[in-house]
Amino acid sequence: MHYVIGDVHSCLDELNTLLEKIEEKDPEAEFIFVGDFVDRGPRYLDTIHWCEDHIRPTGKYRTVIGNHEDLLLQWFPGFRDWWENQGRKDDLRRGIPQTQYNFSRMIQEEKKVDLPFVQSVMNLIREWPSEISVTVPGKNRNVTCRIAHAWPAAQSSDEEERRNCNIWNREDEYVGNFANDDIYIHGHTPTISDYDNGRLVPGMIGYRRHTINVDGGCVFSYNPEFGKRYVCMLCAICLETLEEIYPWSLLERIAMLHPEESASRIEKIYEETRKKRKEYLCNPYRREMLQMLGVE
C-alpha cells in the first residue's frame, strides 16, 4: 500500500511513532511525503539526518519538495557568498545571512555554520521533485493520485510554472479539483487555518472535490494558541483505501494536549470531537473518492 504523510516540520518523534504504527500493520508500506520536513519544529537537525538516511528517488521513502525547502534553496547563494567572503570585516560584522525561518539559527546553535554541511543539505533537497504520481486500482479504472506540496499544477503549464504551482499555490486547494478525475493530495495549508473553520475537525485530514489535504498542522501543537484548541496531528492516508492513520488515537491526543484537565473533562472533549469527526467523514467529497476506488 502507498501512504502519503503531511508536513513534518521537524516533528521527528511524531514521525517515528506514525511510521512504526503503519509498518507494524503493513511491513511493505511505501511512503510519499508532501515536503516541508524543515523549519518550525523541535528536532531540526535530527530530521535532516533522517532524510539523508531514508529519502531516495525510488523505493520505500520518497518526497516532493515543500515551500520551506524551496526557501532554503533561495537563501543558499547568499550564504555561500557570505561564507566565501567572510574574511572581510563588513561580512564578519554583518554576520550570517538569516533564513526566513529557523535554519540559520539552528546551524549556529548546532555549530554547523559550515559550507560543506549546508551544501550537503542543499544537494539533498534540490533533488526532490515537485510532484509524484501514483496509480492505484479503482472500481472501474485505475485512479491517478497526484502528490504535490501545495497543489498539482496543470499539465499544460511550462516547467517553471508547474514547479511554482506545485510548491506554492494555495488558491485552488480552497475549492478542490474540478479539472479532471485524478485525486490530488497536498499539504502546505494546515487544516487548523481559518478557511477550514466549521468545515472539519481542525488538525486532521481534510477533503474537497477529488482533493485530500494531509497537513494537520502537527508542529502547531507546540504553540499554546493552537495546541489547546485543535488536535494538530501528523497525518497519513492510504491511497488505496483512504484509511486515515495518525500517531495516536483521538483520545490519546486530546489527553496529551490537555494534561491539566480532569479525566471527565478530557472524555467530554473527546466525545465532542469524535462526533464532529464522524459526521465530517460522511462528506460527499470523501464518499465520491471512496466510490472511485471501489472501497464502498
C-alpha atoms as a PDB file:
ATOM      1  CA  MET A   1       0.000   0.000   0.000  1.00  0.00           C
ATOM      2  CA  HIS A   2       1.001   3.641  -0.550  1.00  0.00           C
ATOM      3  CA  TYR A   3       0.744   6.170   2.269  1.00  0.00           C
ATOM      4  CA  VAL A   4       1.037   9.949   1.928  1.00  0.00           C
ATOM      5  CA  ILE A   5       2.240  11.827   5.015  1.00  0.00           C
ATOM      6  CA  GLY A   6       1.721  15.523   5.698  1.00  0.00           C
ATOM      7  CA  ASP A   7       4.089  18.350   6.630  1.00  0.00           C
ATOM      8  CA  VAL A   8       6.570  17.044   9.229  1.00  0.00           C
ATOM      9  CA  HIS A   9       8.253  20.355  10.135  1.00  0.00           C
ATOM     10  CA  SER A  10      10.976  18.723  12.261  1.00  0.00           C
ATOM     11  CA  CYS A  11       8.489  16.776  14.420  1.00  0.00           C
ATOM     12  CA  LEU A  12      10.614  13.635  14.253  1.00  0.00           C
ATOM     13  CA  ASP A  13       9.157  11.950  17.333  1.00  0.00           C
ATOM     14  CA  GLU A  14       5.684  12.156  15.835  1.00  0.00           C
ATOM     15  CA  LEU A  15       7.004  10.851  12.515  1.00  0.00           C
ATOM     16  CA  ASN A  16       8.723   7.854  14.084  1.00  0.00           C
ATOM     17  CA  THR A  17       5.570   6.992  16.029  1.00  0.00           C
ATOM     18  CA  LEU A  18       3.446   7.228  12.880  1.00  0.00           C
ATOM     19  CA  LEU A  19       5.817   5.147  10.748  1.00  0.00           C
ATOM     20  CA  GLU A  20       6.072   2.457  13.405  1.00  0.00           C
ATOM     21  CA  LYS A  21       2.292   2.271  13.633  1.00  0.00           C
ATOM     22  CA  ILE A  22       1.861   1.873   9.876  1.00  0.00           C
ATOM     23  CA  GLU A  23       4.777  -0.503   9.307  1.00  0.00           C
ATOM     24  CA  GLU A  24       3.680  -2.777  12.122  1.00  0.00           C
ATOM     25  CA  LYS A  25       0.459  -3.390  10.195  1.00  0.00           C
ATOM     26  CA  ASP A  26       1.897  -3.116   6.671  1.00  0.00           C
ATOM     27  CA  PRO A  27       5.614  -4.069   6.533  1.00  0.00           C
ATOM     28  CA  GLU A  28       5.686  -3.491   2.756  1.00  0.00           C
ATOM     29  CA  ALA A  29       4.274   0.029   3.032  1.00  0.00           C
ATOM     30  CA  GLU A  30       5.623   2.697   0.689  1.00  0.00           C
ATOM     31  CA  PHE A  31       5.625   6.322   1.839  1.00  0.00           C
ATOM     32  CA  ILE A  32       5.399   9.602  -0.027  1.00  0.00           C
ATOM     33  CA  PHE A  33       5.804  12.850   1.895  1.00  0.00           C
ATOM     34  CA  VAL A  34       4.414  16.222   0.827  1.00  0.00           C
ATOM     35  CA  GLY A  35       7.608  18.069   1.783  1.00  0.00           C
ATOM     36  CA  ASP A  36       8.255  20.679   4.459  1.00  0.00           C
ATOM     37  CA  PHE A  37      10.430  18.420   6.568  1.00  0.00           C
ATOM     38  CA  VAL A  38      12.358  21.509   7.703  1.00  0.00           C
ATOM     39  CA  ASP A  39      11.692  24.533   9.964  1.00  0.00           C
ATOM     40  CA  ARG A  40       9.495  25.287  12.959  1.00  0.00           C
ATOM     41  CA  GLY A  41       9.749  22.057  14.984  1.00  0.00           C
ATOM     42  CA  PRO A  42      11.893  20.755  17.862  1.00  0.00           C
ATOM     43  CA  ARG A  43      14.210  18.226  16.135  1.00  0.00           C
ATOM     44  CA  TYR A  44      15.510  20.092  13.124  1.00  0.00           C
ATOM     45  CA  LEU A  45      18.973  18.567  12.681  1.00  0.00           C
ATOM     46  CA  ASP A  46      17.797  15.044  13.512  1.00  0.00           C
ATOM     47  CA  THR A  47      15.070  15.354  10.891  1.00  0.00           C
ATOM     48  CA  ILE A  48      17.614  16.380   8.260  1.00  0.00           C
ATOM     49  CA  HIS A  49      19.721  13.339   9.160  1.00  0.00           C
ATOM     50  CA  TRP A  50      16.607  11.147   8.888  1.00  0.00           C
ATOM     51  CA  CYS A  51      16.016  12.462   5.370  1.00  0.00           C
ATOM     52  CA  GLU A  52      19.637  11.823   4.431  1.00  0.00           C
ATOM     53  CA  ASP A  53      19.314   8.233   5.631  1.00  0.00           C
ATOM     54  CA  HIS A  54      15.888   7.403   4.196  1.00  0.00           C
ATOM     55  CA  ILE A  55      14.666   9.600   1.344  1.00  0.00           C
ATOM     56  CA  ARG A  56      15.508   8.253  -2.120  1.00  0.00           C
ATOM     57  CA  PRO A  57      14.196   8.953  -5.657  1.00  0.00           C
ATOM     58  CA  THR A  58      12.676   5.471  -5.716  1.00  0.00           C
ATOM     59  CA  GLY A  59      11.902   2.953  -3.009  1.00  0.00           C
ATOM     60  CA  LYS A  60      10.188   2.916   0.356  1.00  0.00           C
ATOM     61  CA  TYR A  61      10.504   6.600   1.304  1.00  0.00           C
ATOM     62  CA  ARG A  62      10.019   9.355  -1.263  1.00  0.00           C
ATOM     63  CA  THR A  63       9.120  13.011  -1.013  1.00  0.00           C
ATOM     64  CA  VAL A  64       8.233  16.072  -3.016  1.00  0.00           C
ATOM     65  CA  ILE A  65       9.840  19.392  -2.177  1.00  0.00           C
ATOM     66  CA  GLY A  66       7.958  21.845   0.029  1.00  0.00           C
ATOM     67  CA  ASN A  67       7.993  25.623   0.082  1.00  0.00           C
ATOM     68  CA  HIS A  68      10.173  25.645   3.207  1.00  0.00           C
ATOM     69  CA  GLU A  69      12.852  23.646   1.388  1.00  0.00           C
ATOM     70  CA  ASP A  70      12.462  25.969  -1.587  1.00  0.00           C
ATOM     71  CA  LEU A  71      13.085  28.958   0.695  1.00  0.00           C
ATOM     72  CA  LEU A  72      16.370  27.371   1.779  1.00  0.00           C
ATOM     73  CA  LEU A  73      17.448  26.945  -1.839  1.00  0.00           C
ATOM     74  CA  GLN A  74      16.682  30.632  -2.441  1.00  0.00           C
ATOM     75  CA  TRP A  75      18.700  31.609   0.668  1.00  0.00           C
ATOM     76  CA  PHE A  76      21.727  29.447  -0.093  1.00  0.00           C
ATOM     77  CA  PRO A  77      23.503  31.617  -2.746  1.00  0.00           C
ATOM     78  CA  GLY A  78      23.675  34.495  -0.266  1.00  0.00           C
ATOM     79  CA  PHE A  79      25.069  32.197   2.420  1.00  0.00           C
ATOM     80  CA  ARG A  80      27.666  30.804   0.028  1.00  0.00           C
ATOM     81  CA  ASP A  81      28.782  34.303  -0.958  1.00  0.00           C
ATOM     82  CA  TRP A  82      28.978  35.277   2.719  1.00  0.00           C
ATOM     83  CA  TRP A  83      30.997  32.160   3.547  1.00  0.00           C
ATOM     84  CA  GLU A  84      33.475  32.695   0.719  1.00  0.00           C
ATOM     85  CA  ASN A  85      33.991  36.342   1.691  1.00  0.00           C
ATOM     86  CA  GLN A  86      33.587  36.244   5.458  1.00  0.00           C
ATOM     87  CA  GLY A  87      37.204  37.301   5.946  1.00  0.00           C
ATOM     88  CA  ARG A  88      36.127  40.818   5.031  1.00  0.00           C
ATOM     89  CA  LYS A  89      35.381  42.929   8.087  1.00  0.00           C
ATOM     90  CA  ASP A  90      31.998  44.082   6.843  1.00  0.00           C
ATOM     91  CA  ASP A  91      30.870  40.483   6.367  1.00  0.00           C
ATOM     92  CA  LEU A  92      32.046  39.492   9.824  1.00  0.00           C
ATOM     93  CA  ARG A  93      30.231  42.451  11.296  1.00  0.00           C
ATOM     94  CA  ARG A  94      27.075  41.670   9.374  1.00  0.00           C
ATOM     95  CA  GLY A  95      27.017  38.028  10.470  1.00  0.00           C
ATOM     96  CA  ILE A  96      25.419  35.002   8.865  1.00  0.00           C
ATOM     97  CA  PRO A  97      22.583  35.723   6.415  1.00  0.00           C
ATOM     98  CA  GLN A  98      19.291  34.923   8.108  1.00  0.00           C
ATOM     99  CA  THR A  99      16.742  32.484   6.757  1.00  0.00           C
ATOM    100  CA  GLN A 100      13.047  33.359   6.853  1.00  0.00           C
ATOM    101  CA  TYR A 101      12.508  30.625   9.436  1.00  0.00           C
ATOM    102  CA  ASN A 102      14.941  28.920  11.798  1.00  0.00           C
ATOM    103  CA  PHE A 103      17.531  27.104   9.659  1.00  0.00           C
ATOM    104  CA  SER A 104      20.171  29.817  10.149  1.00  0.00           C
ATOM    105  CA  ARG A 105      19.577  29.824  13.899  1.00  0.00           C
ATOM    106  CA  MET A 106      19.727  26.035  14.007  1.00  0.00           C
ATOM    107  CA  ILE A 107      23.098  25.784  12.263  1.00  0.00           C
ATOM    108  CA  GLN A 108      24.501  28.377  14.646  1.00  0.00           C
ATOM    109  CA  GLU A 109      23.192  26.540  17.716  1.00  0.00           C
ATOM    110  CA  GLU A 110      24.395  23.168  16.393  1.00  0.00           C
ATOM    111  CA  LYS A 111      27.767  24.638  15.328  1.00  0.00           C
ATOM    112  CA  LYS A 112      27.067  23.722  11.712  1.00  0.00           C
ATOM    113  CA  VAL A 113      27.862  27.103  10.142  1.00  0.00           C
ATOM    114  CA  ASP A 114      29.969  25.328   7.583  1.00  0.00           C
ATOM    115  CA  LEU A 115      29.729  25.436   3.798  1.00  0.00           C
ATOM    116  CA  PRO A 116      30.233  21.673   3.249  1.00  0.00           C
ATOM    117  CA  PHE A 117      27.404  20.823   5.663  1.00  0.00           C
ATOM    118  CA  VAL A 118      25.000  23.428   4.309  1.00  0.00           C
ATOM    119  CA  GLN A 119      25.898  22.449   0.746  1.00  0.00           C
ATOM    120  CA  SER A 120      25.087  18.811   1.545  1.00  0.00           C
ATOM    121  CA  VAL A 121      21.623  19.824   2.782  1.00  0.00           C
ATOM    122  CA  MET A 122      21.019  21.871  -0.363  1.00  0.00           C
ATOM    123  CA  ASN A 123      22.184  18.976  -2.554  1.00  0.00           C
ATOM    124  CA  LEU A 124      19.730  16.703  -0.752  1.00  0.00           C
ATOM    125  CA  ILE A 125      16.623  18.859  -1.144  1.00  0.00           C
ATOM    126  CA  ARG A 126      17.499  20.118  -4.626  1.00  0.00           C
ATOM    127  CA  GLU A 127      16.964  16.590  -5.938  1.00  0.00           C
ATOM    128  CA  TRP A 128      13.425  16.345  -4.600  1.00  0.00           C
ATOM    129  CA  PRO A 129      10.788  16.570  -7.350  1.00  0.00           C
ATOM    130  CA  SER A 130       7.867  18.959  -7.109  1.00  0.00           C
ATOM    131  CA  GLU A 131       5.295  16.260  -7.936  1.00  0.00           C
ATOM    132  CA  ILE A 132       4.940  12.478  -7.701  1.00  0.00           C
ATOM    133  CA  SER A 133       2.158  10.447  -9.308  1.00  0.00           C
ATOM    134  CA  VAL A 134       0.950   7.038  -8.163  1.00  0.00           C
ATOM    135  CA  THR A 135      -1.595   4.869  -9.968  1.00  0.00           C
ATOM    136  CA  VAL A 136      -3.848   2.712  -7.800  1.00  0.00           C
ATOM    137  CA  PRO A 137      -6.636   0.266  -8.705  1.00  0.00           C
ATOM    138  CA  GLY A 138     -10.134   1.733  -8.865  1.00  0.00           C
ATOM    139  CA  LYS A 139     -13.656   0.403  -9.193  1.00  0.00           C
ATOM    140  CA  ASN A 140     -13.929   0.711 -12.975  1.00  0.00           C
ATOM    141  CA  ARG A 141     -10.488   2.016 -13.910  1.00  0.00           C
ATOM    142  CA  ASN A 142      -7.126   2.821 -12.447  1.00  0.00           C
ATOM    143  CA  VAL A 143      -7.007   6.067 -10.480  1.00  0.00           C
ATOM    144  CA  THR A 144      -4.134   8.533 -10.734  1.00  0.00           C
ATOM    145  CA  CYS A 145      -3.108  10.131  -7.446  1.00  0.00           C
ATOM    146  CA  ARG A 146      -1.012  13.281  -7.872  1.00  0.00           C
ATOM    147  CA  ILE A 147       1.004  14.385  -4.862  1.00  0.00           C
ATOM    148  CA  ALA A 148       2.463  17.883  -4.553  1.00  0.00           C
ATOM    149  CA  HIS A 149       3.255  20.078  -1.593  1.00  0.00           C
ATOM    150  CA  ALA A 150       0.747  22.828  -2.385  1.00  0.00           C
ATOM    151  CA  TRP A 151      -1.277  21.954  -5.492  1.00  0.00           C
ATOM    152  CA  PRO A 152      -0.579  19.714  -8.522  1.00  0.00           C
ATOM    153  CA  ALA A 153      -0.161  22.021 -11.487  1.00  0.00           C
ATOM    154  CA  ALA A 154      -1.991  21.859 -14.799  1.00  0.00           C
ATOM    155  CA  GLN A 155      -0.074  19.661 -17.203  1.00  0.00           C
ATOM    156  CA  SER A 156      -0.173  22.335 -19.905  1.00  0.00           C
ATOM    157  CA  SER A 157       1.882  24.906 -17.995  1.00  0.00           C
ATOM    158  CA  ASP A 158       5.616  25.211 -18.546  1.00  0.00           C
ATOM    159  CA  GLU A 159       8.133  23.584 -16.208  1.00  0.00           C
ATOM    160  CA  GLU A 160       8.840  26.648 -14.064  1.00  0.00           C
ATOM    161  CA  GLU A 161       5.145  27.465 -13.702  1.00  0.00           C
ATOM    162  CA  ARG A 162       4.365  23.862 -12.761  1.00  0.00           C
ATOM    163  CA  ARG A 163       7.101  23.849 -10.139  1.00  0.00           C
ATOM    164  CA  ASN A 164       5.913  27.105  -8.584  1.00  0.00           C
ATOM    165  CA  CYS A 165       2.318  25.909  -8.536  1.00  0.00           C
ATOM    166  CA  ASN A 166       3.275  22.539  -7.050  1.00  0.00           C
ATOM    167  CA  ILE A 167       5.225  24.207  -4.248  1.00  0.00           C
ATOM    168  CA  TRP A 168       3.425  27.476  -3.554  1.00  0.00           C
ATOM    169  CA  ASN A 169      -0.149  27.658  -4.929  1.00  0.00           C
ATOM    170  CA  ARG A 170      -2.989  27.950  -2.415  1.00  0.00           C
ATOM    171  CA  GLU A 171      -5.885  29.304  -4.467  1.00  0.00           C
ATOM    172  CA  ASP A 172      -7.176  26.053  -5.972  1.00  0.00           C
ATOM    173  CA  GLU A 173      -6.983  23.927  -2.838  1.00  0.00           C
ATOM    174  CA  TYR A 174      -9.747  26.003  -1.258  1.00  0.00           C
ATOM    175  CA  VAL A 175     -12.316  24.665  -3.738  1.00  0.00           C
ATOM    176  CA  GLY A 176     -10.920  21.310  -4.871  1.00  0.00           C
ATOM    177  CA  ASN A 177     -10.045  19.622  -8.154  1.00  0.00           C
ATOM    178  CA  PHE A 178     -12.687  20.234 -10.801  1.00  0.00           C
ATOM    179  CA  ALA A 179     -10.238  19.868 -13.708  1.00  0.00           C
ATOM    180  CA  ASN A 180     -10.173  16.075 -14.013  1.00  0.00           C
ATOM    181  CA  ASP A 181     -10.827  12.773 -12.246  1.00  0.00           C
ATOM    182  CA  ASP A 182      -7.393  12.492 -10.641  1.00  0.00           C
ATOM    183  CA  ILE A 183      -7.118  12.599  -6.867  1.00  0.00           C
ATOM    184  CA  TYR A 184      -4.892  15.418  -5.610  1.00  0.00           C
ATOM    185  CA  ILE A 185      -3.070  15.019  -2.302  1.00  0.00           C
ATOM    186  CA  HIS A 186      -1.291  18.012  -0.794  1.00  0.00           C
ATOM    187  CA  GLY A 187      -0.221  19.763   2.396  1.00  0.00           C
ATOM    188  CA  HIS A 188       1.049  23.359   2.727  1.00  0.00           C
ATOM    189  CA  THR A 189      -2.064  24.886   4.349  1.00  0.00           C
ATOM    190  CA  PRO A 190      -2.758  23.234   7.714  1.00  0.00           C
ATOM    191  CA  THR A 191      -6.336  22.263   8.409  1.00  0.00           C
ATOM    192  CA  ILE A 192      -6.238  24.475  11.501  1.00  0.00           C
ATOM    193  CA  SER A 193      -6.313  27.500   9.175  1.00  0.00           C
ATOM    194  CA  ASP A 194      -9.250  29.900   9.233  1.00  0.00           C
ATOM    195  CA  TYR A 195     -10.587  28.839   5.838  1.00  0.00           C
ATOM    196  CA  ASP A 196     -11.404  25.402   7.253  1.00  0.00           C
ATOM    197  CA  ASN A 197     -13.210  26.650  10.361  1.00  0.00           C
ATOM    198  CA  GLY A 198     -16.527  24.913  10.798  1.00  0.00           C
ATOM    199  CA  ARG A 199     -15.926  22.537   7.893  1.00  0.00           C
ATOM    200  CA  LEU A 200     -13.970  19.762   9.556  1.00  0.00           C
ATOM    201  CA  VAL A 201     -12.198  18.741  12.731  1.00  0.00           C
ATOM    202  CA  PRO A 202      -9.170  21.071  12.576  1.00  0.00           C
ATOM    203  CA  GLY A 203      -5.834  19.290  12.865  1.00  0.00           C
ATOM    204  CA  MET A 204      -6.920  16.183  10.961  1.00  0.00           C
ATOM    205  CA  ILE A 205      -7.208  15.275   7.267  1.00  0.00           C
ATOM    206  CA  GLY A 206      -9.464  17.448   5.114  1.00  0.00           C
ATOM    207  CA  TYR A 207     -11.375  16.671   1.912  1.00  0.00           C
ATOM    208  CA  ARG A 208     -12.621  18.652  -1.036  1.00  0.00           C
ATOM    209  CA  ARG A 209     -13.646  17.622  -4.529  1.00  0.00           C
ATOM    210  CA  HIS A 210     -11.091  14.960  -5.617  1.00  0.00           C
ATOM    211  CA  THR A 211      -8.691  16.564  -3.142  1.00  0.00           C
ATOM    212  CA  ILE A 212      -7.126  15.491   0.158  1.00  0.00           C
ATOM    213  CA  ASN A 213      -5.231  17.819   2.496  1.00  0.00           C
ATOM    214  CA  VAL A 214      -2.879  15.852   4.764  1.00  0.00           C
ATOM    215  CA  ASP A 215      -1.383  18.816   6.649  1.00  0.00           C
ATOM    216  CA  GLY A 216      -2.893  18.614  10.126  1.00  0.00           C
ATOM    217  CA  GLY A 217      -0.549  21.295  11.484  1.00  0.00           C
ATOM    218  CA  CYS A 218       1.284  18.868  13.766  1.00  0.00           C
ATOM    219  CA  VAL A 219       4.019  21.354  14.643  1.00  0.00           C
ATOM    220  CA  PHE A 220       1.464  23.868  15.927  1.00  0.00           C
ATOM    221  CA  SER A 221       0.684  21.583  18.848  1.00  0.00           C
ATOM    222  CA  TYR A 222       3.782  23.192  20.401  1.00  0.00           C
ATOM    223  CA  ASN A 223       2.047  26.579  20.198  1.00  0.00           C
ATOM    224  CA  PRO A 224      -0.382  27.077  23.126  1.00  0.00           C
ATOM    225  CA  GLU A 225      -2.679  29.158  20.928  1.00  0.00           C
ATOM    226  CA  PHE A 226      -3.358  26.154  18.700  1.00  0.00           C
ATOM    227  CA  GLY A 227      -2.442  23.129  20.818  1.00  0.00           C
ATOM    228  CA  LYS A 228      -5.256  23.812  23.273  1.00  0.00           C
ATOM    229  CA  ARG A 229      -7.841  24.345  20.535  1.00  0.00           C
ATOM    230  CA  TYR A 230      -7.042  21.709  17.908  1.00  0.00           C
ATOM    231  CA  VAL A 231      -5.695  18.150  17.872  1.00  0.00           C
ATOM    232  CA  CYS A 232      -2.873  19.117  15.446  1.00  0.00           C
ATOM    233  CA  MET A 233      -1.993  15.634  14.178  1.00  0.00           C
ATOM    234  CA  LEU A 234       0.712  14.403  11.829  1.00  0.00           C
ATOM    235  CA  CYS A 235      -1.495  12.833   9.170  1.00  0.00           C
ATOM    236  CA  ALA A 236      -1.151   9.835   6.859  1.00  0.00           C
ATOM    237  CA  ILE A 237      -3.618   8.480   4.330  1.00  0.00           C
ATOM    238  CA  CYS A 238      -3.574   5.202   2.410  1.00  0.00           C
ATOM    239  CA  LEU A 239      -4.086   5.875  -1.290  1.00  0.00           C
ATOM    240  CA  GLU A 240      -5.693   2.516  -1.995  1.00  0.00           C
ATOM    241  CA  THR A 241      -8.326   2.707   0.764  1.00  0.00           C
ATOM    242  CA  LEU A 242      -8.380   6.302   2.110  1.00  0.00           C
ATOM    243  CA  GLU A 243      -7.745   4.887   5.568  1.00  0.00           C
ATOM    244  CA  GLU A 244      -6.559   7.672   7.857  1.00  0.00           C
ATOM    245  CA  ILE A 245      -3.666   6.946  10.194  1.00  0.00           C
ATOM    246  CA  TYR A 246      -2.406   9.198  12.979  1.00  0.00           C
ATOM    247  CA  PRO A 247       0.372   8.687  15.553  1.00  0.00           C
ATOM    248  CA  TRP A 248      -2.185   8.443  18.349  1.00  0.00           C
ATOM    249  CA  SER A 249      -5.865   7.820  18.842  1.00  0.00           C
ATOM    250  CA  LEU A 250      -8.066  10.877  19.166  1.00  0.00           C
ATOM    251  CA  LEU A 251      -8.492  10.282  22.897  1.00  0.00           C
ATOM    252  CA  GLU A 252      -4.734   9.898  23.424  1.00  0.00           C
ATOM    253  CA  ARG A 253      -4.016  13.105  21.531  1.00  0.00           C
ATOM    254  CA  ILE A 254      -6.575  15.128  23.463  1.00  0.00           C
ATOM    255  CA  ALA A 255      -5.168  13.843  26.759  1.00  0.00           C
ATOM    256  CA  MET A 256      -1.638  14.798  25.633  1.00  0.00           C
ATOM    257  CA  LEU A 257      -2.701  18.332  24.763  1.00  0.00           C
ATOM    258  CA  HIS A 258      -4.753  18.870  27.940  1.00  0.00           C
ATOM    259  CA  PRO A 259      -2.676  17.407  30.794  1.00  0.00           C
ATOM    260  CA  GLU A 260      -4.194  19.833  33.281  1.00  0.00           C
ATOM    261  CA  GLU A 261      -7.762  18.688  32.619  1.00  0.00           C
ATOM    262  CA  SER A 262      -9.652  16.077  34.629  1.00  0.00           C
ATOM    263  CA  ALA A 263     -10.426  12.685  33.124  1.00  0.00           C
ATOM    264  CA  SER A 264     -14.103  13.587  32.847  1.00  0.00           C
ATOM    265  CA  ARG A 265     -13.315  16.840  31.041  1.00  0.00           C
ATOM    266  CA  ILE A 266     -10.988  15.053  28.605  1.00  0.00           C
ATOM    267  CA  GLU A 267     -13.685  12.469  27.931  1.00  0.00           C
ATOM    268  CA  LYS A 268     -16.161  15.254  27.181  1.00  0.00           C
ATOM    269  CA  ILE A 269     -13.767  16.983  24.761  1.00  0.00           C
ATOM    270  CA  TYR A 270     -13.104  13.639  23.121  1.00  0.00           C
ATOM    271  CA  GLU A 271     -16.781  12.799  22.645  1.00  0.00           C
ATOM    272  CA  GLU A 272     -17.497  16.202  21.124  1.00  0.00           C
ATOM    273  CA  THR A 273     -14.518  15.925  18.770  1.00  0.00           C
ATOM    274  CA  ARG A 274     -15.240  12.307  17.838  1.00  0.00           C
ATOM    275  CA  LYS A 275     -18.843  13.131  16.965  1.00  0.00           C
ATOM    276  CA  LYS A 276     -17.837  16.058  14.763  1.00  0.00           C
ATOM    277  CA  ARG A 277     -15.205  13.955  13.009  1.00  0.00           C
ATOM    278  CA  LYS A 278     -17.610  11.083  12.392  1.00  0.00           C
ATOM    279  CA  GLU A 279     -20.090  13.473  10.823  1.00  0.00           C
ATOM    280  CA  TYR A 280     -17.380  15.106   8.724  1.00  0.00           C
ATOM    281  CA  LEU A 281     -16.155  11.791   7.313  1.00  0.00           C
ATOM    282  CA  CYS A 282     -19.581  11.325   5.714  1.00  0.00           C
ATOM    283  CA  ASN A 283     -18.985  14.353   3.477  1.00  0.00           C
ATOM    284  CA  PRO A 284     -19.763  13.852  -0.240  1.00  0.00           C
ATOM    285  CA  TYR A 285     -16.195  14.526  -1.389  1.00  0.00           C
ATOM    286  CA  ARG A 286     -14.752  11.630   0.570  1.00  0.00           C
ATOM    287  CA  ARG A 287     -17.634   9.339  -0.379  1.00  0.00           C
ATOM    288  CA  GLU A 288     -17.097  10.057  -4.071  1.00  0.00           C
ATOM    289  CA  MET A 289     -13.389   9.222  -3.852  1.00  0.00           C
ATOM    290  CA  LEU A 290     -14.153   6.008  -1.951  1.00  0.00           C
ATOM    291  CA  GLN A 291     -16.547   5.018  -4.741  1.00  0.00           C
ATOM    292  CA  MET A 292     -13.889   5.760  -7.363  1.00  0.00           C
ATOM    293  CA  LEU A 293     -11.522   3.416  -5.528  1.00  0.00           C
ATOM    294  CA  GLY A 294     -14.188   0.746  -5.129  1.00  0.00           C
ATOM    295  CA  VAL A 295     -13.919   0.847  -1.349  1.00  0.00           C
ATOM    296  CA  GLU A 296     -17.636   1.379  -0.814  1.00  0.00           C
END
